[in-house]
N, C-alpha and C. Protein backbone atom coordinates (compact mmCIF):
# COMPACT_ATOMS: atom_id res chain seq x y z
N UNK A 1 -4.19 14.54 5.94
CA UNK A 1 -4.24 14.82 4.53
C UNK A 1 -2.86 14.55 3.92
N UNK A 2 -2.86 13.97 2.75
CA UNK A 2 -1.58 13.68 2.12
C UNK A 2 -0.90 14.96 1.70
N UNK A 3 0.39 14.89 1.53
CA UNK A 3 1.16 16.08 1.16
C UNK A 3 0.74 16.60 -0.20
N UNK A 4 0.53 15.69 -1.16
CA UNK A 4 0.12 16.12 -2.50
C UNK A 4 -1.22 16.83 -2.44
N UNK A 5 -2.16 16.25 -1.71
CA UNK A 5 -3.49 16.85 -1.62
C UNK A 5 -3.41 18.19 -0.91
N UNK A 6 -2.60 18.26 0.13
CA UNK A 6 -2.44 19.51 0.88
C UNK A 6 -1.83 20.60 0.00
N UNK A 7 -0.82 20.26 -0.77
CA UNK A 7 -0.22 21.23 -1.69
C UNK A 7 -1.22 21.66 -2.76
N UNK A 8 -2.00 20.72 -3.24
CA UNK A 8 -3.00 21.02 -4.25
C UNK A 8 -4.02 22.01 -3.71
N UNK A 9 -4.49 21.79 -2.48
CA UNK A 9 -5.47 22.68 -1.86
C UNK A 9 -4.86 24.05 -1.62
N UNK A 10 -3.62 24.10 -1.15
CA UNK A 10 -2.97 25.40 -0.93
C UNK A 10 -2.80 26.18 -2.23
N UNK A 11 -2.40 25.48 -3.29
CA UNK A 11 -2.25 26.16 -4.58
C UNK A 11 -3.60 26.62 -5.11
N UNK A 12 -4.63 25.83 -4.89
CA UNK A 12 -5.97 26.20 -5.37
C UNK A 12 -6.48 27.45 -4.66
N UNK A 13 -6.12 27.61 -3.40
CA UNK A 13 -6.55 28.79 -2.65
C UNK A 13 -5.88 30.06 -3.15
N UNK A 14 -4.68 29.91 -3.71
CA UNK A 14 -3.91 31.08 -4.13
C UNK A 14 -4.13 31.49 -5.58
N UNK A 15 -4.76 30.64 -6.38
CA UNK A 15 -4.93 30.94 -7.81
C UNK A 15 -6.41 31.05 -8.16
N UNK A 16 -6.70 31.57 -9.36
CA UNK A 16 -8.11 31.69 -9.78
C UNK A 16 -8.79 30.32 -9.86
N UNK A 17 -10.08 30.30 -9.58
CA UNK A 17 -10.83 29.05 -9.56
C UNK A 17 -10.93 28.41 -10.94
N UNK A 18 -10.97 29.16 -11.98
CA UNK A 18 -11.14 28.61 -13.33
C UNK A 18 -9.94 27.75 -13.74
N UNK A 19 -8.79 28.01 -13.16
CA UNK A 19 -7.60 27.24 -13.50
C UNK A 19 -7.71 25.80 -12.99
N UNK A 20 -8.25 25.64 -11.79
CA UNK A 20 -8.32 24.31 -11.17
C UNK A 20 -9.62 23.58 -11.45
N UNK A 21 -10.60 24.22 -12.05
CA UNK A 21 -11.89 23.57 -12.29
C UNK A 21 -11.76 22.28 -13.11
N UNK A 22 -11.01 22.27 -14.22
CA UNK A 22 -10.89 21.02 -14.97
C UNK A 22 -10.18 19.91 -14.17
N UNK A 23 -9.17 20.29 -13.40
CA UNK A 23 -8.45 19.29 -12.61
C UNK A 23 -9.33 18.70 -11.51
N UNK A 24 -10.10 19.54 -10.86
CA UNK A 24 -10.99 19.06 -9.81
C UNK A 24 -12.08 18.18 -10.41
N UNK A 25 -12.61 18.58 -11.57
CA UNK A 25 -13.62 17.76 -12.24
C UNK A 25 -13.06 16.40 -12.64
N UNK A 26 -11.84 16.39 -13.13
CA UNK A 26 -11.22 15.12 -13.52
C UNK A 26 -10.97 14.24 -12.30
N UNK A 27 -10.51 14.82 -11.21
CA UNK A 27 -10.28 14.05 -9.99
C UNK A 27 -11.58 13.46 -9.45
N UNK A 28 -12.65 14.24 -9.49
CA UNK A 28 -13.95 13.72 -9.02
C UNK A 28 -14.46 12.60 -9.93
N UNK A 29 -14.26 12.75 -11.23
CA UNK A 29 -14.69 11.70 -12.17
C UNK A 29 -13.91 10.41 -11.94
N UNK A 30 -12.63 10.53 -11.70
CA UNK A 30 -11.80 9.34 -11.43
C UNK A 30 -12.25 8.67 -10.14
N UNK A 31 -12.50 9.46 -9.11
CA UNK A 31 -12.96 8.89 -7.84
C UNK A 31 -14.30 8.20 -8.01
N UNK A 32 -15.21 8.82 -8.77
CA UNK A 32 -16.51 8.22 -9.03
C UNK A 32 -16.38 6.90 -9.77
N UNK A 33 -15.48 6.87 -10.76
CA UNK A 33 -15.27 5.65 -11.54
C UNK A 33 -14.70 4.52 -10.67
N UNK A 34 -13.75 4.84 -9.81
CA UNK A 34 -13.22 3.83 -8.90
C UNK A 34 -14.30 3.31 -7.96
N UNK A 35 -15.17 4.21 -7.51
CA UNK A 35 -16.26 3.81 -6.63
C UNK A 35 -17.20 2.84 -7.34
N UNK A 36 -17.54 3.13 -8.59
CA UNK A 36 -18.42 2.26 -9.37
C UNK A 36 -17.74 0.91 -9.60
N UNK A 37 -16.46 0.92 -9.97
CA UNK A 37 -15.74 -0.33 -10.19
C UNK A 37 -15.66 -1.15 -8.91
N UNK A 38 -15.44 -0.49 -7.79
CA UNK A 38 -15.38 -1.18 -6.51
C UNK A 38 -16.71 -1.82 -6.15
N UNK A 39 -17.81 -1.12 -6.42
CA UNK A 39 -19.13 -1.68 -6.13
C UNK A 39 -19.41 -2.88 -7.02
N UNK A 40 -19.01 -2.81 -8.30
CA UNK A 40 -19.21 -3.93 -9.21
C UNK A 40 -18.40 -5.14 -8.75
N UNK A 41 -17.16 -4.92 -8.36
CA UNK A 41 -16.31 -6.01 -7.91
C UNK A 41 -16.86 -6.64 -6.63
N UNK A 42 -17.37 -5.79 -5.73
CA UNK A 42 -17.94 -6.29 -4.49
C UNK A 42 -19.17 -7.12 -4.76
N UNK A 43 -20.02 -6.62 -5.65
CA UNK A 43 -21.25 -7.35 -5.98
C UNK A 43 -20.91 -8.69 -6.63
N UNK A 44 -19.93 -8.70 -7.53
CA UNK A 44 -19.52 -9.94 -8.19
C UNK A 44 -18.96 -10.93 -7.18
N UNK A 45 -18.14 -10.45 -6.26
CA UNK A 45 -17.55 -11.32 -5.25
C UNK A 45 -18.62 -11.89 -4.32
N UNK A 46 -19.63 -11.06 -3.99
CA UNK A 46 -20.71 -11.55 -3.14
C UNK A 46 -21.49 -12.65 -3.83
N UNK A 47 -21.69 -12.49 -5.14
CA UNK A 47 -22.43 -13.50 -5.90
C UNK A 47 -21.65 -14.81 -5.97
N UNK A 48 -20.35 -14.73 -6.03
CA UNK A 48 -19.51 -15.91 -6.13
C UNK A 48 -19.18 -16.49 -4.75
N UNK A 49 -19.54 -15.81 -3.70
CA UNK A 49 -19.27 -16.29 -2.35
C UNK A 49 -17.84 -16.10 -1.91
N UNK A 50 -17.13 -15.21 -2.55
CA UNK A 50 -15.72 -14.98 -2.21
C UNK A 50 -15.52 -13.60 -1.60
N UNK A 51 -16.51 -13.10 -0.93
CA UNK A 51 -16.43 -11.76 -0.38
C UNK A 51 -15.62 -11.77 0.91
N UNK A 52 -14.55 -11.01 0.92
CA UNK A 52 -13.69 -10.89 2.11
C UNK A 52 -13.28 -9.45 2.27
N UNK A 53 -13.19 -9.05 3.49
CA UNK A 53 -12.68 -7.72 3.80
C UNK A 53 -11.39 -7.91 4.58
N UNK A 54 -10.33 -7.31 4.10
CA UNK A 54 -9.05 -7.40 4.78
C UNK A 54 -8.68 -6.00 5.25
N UNK A 55 -8.50 -5.88 6.54
CA UNK A 55 -8.12 -4.60 7.12
C UNK A 55 -6.77 -4.80 7.80
N UNK A 56 -5.80 -4.00 7.38
CA UNK A 56 -4.47 -4.07 7.98
C UNK A 56 -4.17 -2.72 8.59
N UNK A 57 -4.01 -2.71 9.91
CA UNK A 57 -3.70 -1.43 10.54
C UNK A 57 -2.19 -1.27 10.68
N UNK A 58 -1.78 -0.14 11.18
CA UNK A 58 -0.34 0.17 11.24
C UNK A 58 0.44 -0.79 12.10
N UNK A 59 -0.12 -1.17 13.24
CA UNK A 59 0.63 -2.07 14.12
C UNK A 59 0.79 -3.44 13.48
N UNK A 60 -0.21 -3.89 12.73
CA UNK A 60 -0.09 -5.17 12.03
C UNK A 60 0.99 -5.09 10.97
N UNK A 61 1.02 -3.99 10.24
CA UNK A 61 2.04 -3.82 9.20
C UNK A 61 3.43 -3.80 9.85
N UNK A 62 3.56 -3.14 10.98
CA UNK A 62 4.84 -3.08 11.67
C UNK A 62 5.27 -4.47 12.10
N UNK A 63 4.34 -5.25 12.66
CA UNK A 63 4.68 -6.61 13.08
C UNK A 63 5.10 -7.46 11.90
N UNK A 64 4.39 -7.35 10.76
CA UNK A 64 4.74 -8.13 9.57
C UNK A 64 6.11 -7.73 9.04
N UNK A 65 6.38 -6.43 9.03
CA UNK A 65 7.67 -5.93 8.55
C UNK A 65 8.80 -6.43 9.43
N UNK A 66 8.61 -6.37 10.75
CA UNK A 66 9.64 -6.84 11.68
C UNK A 66 9.84 -8.35 11.55
N UNK A 67 8.76 -9.09 11.36
CA UNK A 67 8.88 -10.54 11.18
C UNK A 67 9.66 -10.85 9.91
N UNK A 68 9.40 -10.10 8.85
CA UNK A 68 10.12 -10.31 7.59
C UNK A 68 11.61 -10.01 7.76
N UNK A 69 11.93 -8.97 8.52
CA UNK A 69 13.33 -8.63 8.77
C UNK A 69 14.02 -9.74 9.55
N UNK A 70 13.31 -10.29 10.58
CA UNK A 70 13.89 -11.38 11.37
C UNK A 70 14.17 -12.60 10.51
N UNK A 71 13.21 -12.95 9.66
CA UNK A 71 13.39 -14.12 8.80
C UNK A 71 14.55 -13.90 7.84
N UNK A 72 14.65 -12.70 7.29
CA UNK A 72 15.74 -12.39 6.36
C UNK A 72 17.08 -12.49 7.07
N UNK A 73 17.16 -11.95 8.28
CA UNK A 73 18.40 -11.99 9.05
C UNK A 73 18.76 -13.43 9.40
N UNK A 74 17.76 -14.20 9.86
CA UNK A 74 18.03 -15.60 10.23
C UNK A 74 18.49 -16.42 9.04
N UNK A 75 17.88 -16.20 7.88
CA UNK A 75 18.29 -16.95 6.70
C UNK A 75 19.70 -16.55 6.25
N UNK A 76 20.05 -15.27 6.41
CA UNK A 76 21.40 -14.83 6.07
C UNK A 76 22.43 -15.46 7.01
N UNK A 77 22.10 -15.54 8.28
CA UNK A 77 23.01 -16.17 9.26
C UNK A 77 23.16 -17.64 8.95
N UNK A 78 22.04 -18.32 8.64
CA UNK A 78 22.11 -19.74 8.30
C UNK A 78 22.95 -19.98 7.06
N UNK A 79 22.79 -19.12 6.06
CA UNK A 79 23.57 -19.25 4.82
C UNK A 79 25.05 -19.04 5.10
N UNK A 80 25.36 -18.09 5.96
CA UNK A 80 26.75 -17.82 6.30
C UNK A 80 27.35 -18.99 7.07
N UNK A 81 26.57 -19.59 7.95
CA UNK A 81 27.06 -20.74 8.72
C UNK A 81 27.34 -21.93 7.82
N UNK A 82 26.55 -22.14 6.82
CA UNK A 82 26.74 -23.28 5.94
C UNK A 82 27.91 -23.07 4.98
N UNK A 83 28.26 -21.83 4.71
CA UNK A 83 29.35 -21.54 3.79
C UNK A 83 30.72 -21.66 4.45
N UNK A 84 30.79 -21.49 5.74
CA UNK A 84 32.07 -21.55 6.44
C UNK A 84 32.54 -23.00 6.52
N UNK A 85 33.75 -23.30 6.09
CA UNK A 85 34.25 -24.67 6.19
C UNK A 85 34.57 -25.01 7.65
N UNK A 86 34.31 -26.23 8.03
CA UNK A 86 34.59 -26.64 9.39
C UNK A 86 36.06 -27.03 9.50
N UNK A 87 36.67 -26.60 10.58
CA UNK A 87 38.08 -26.89 10.79
C UNK A 87 38.23 -28.25 11.44
N UNK A 88 39.16 -29.03 10.94
CA UNK A 88 39.43 -30.35 11.51
C UNK A 88 40.79 -30.32 12.18
N UNK A 89 40.96 -31.12 13.22
CA UNK A 89 42.25 -31.17 13.92
C UNK A 89 43.19 -32.12 13.18
N UNK A 90 44.44 -31.74 13.06
CA UNK A 90 45.44 -32.57 12.39
C UNK A 90 46.28 -33.31 13.36
C-alpha cells in the first residue's frame, strides 16, 4: 500500500466517518471515471488495430536505468577525450 493511502486509511480509522465520506466518494468517482476512459481507449485501439500491452517490471526498469547511466558516462568520457588537446613532440 502506498504511504499516502496508508496514512489516509489510518486517519479515517481515527476520525468520524462523516468527515471522510465525501473524500472517499470523490476518490471512487475518479477511479470509476479512469476505468471508463481506459475501457474506451482500449476499445478504440482494438478497432484501429493498435492494441498493445506494455508491462515493465522492476528488473526491466533497473536494467534500463543502468543502461542509461552507462551511456551517459560513456558519452561524457568521449566528450572529455575530444576536448583534451593532443600533445605534440617538439
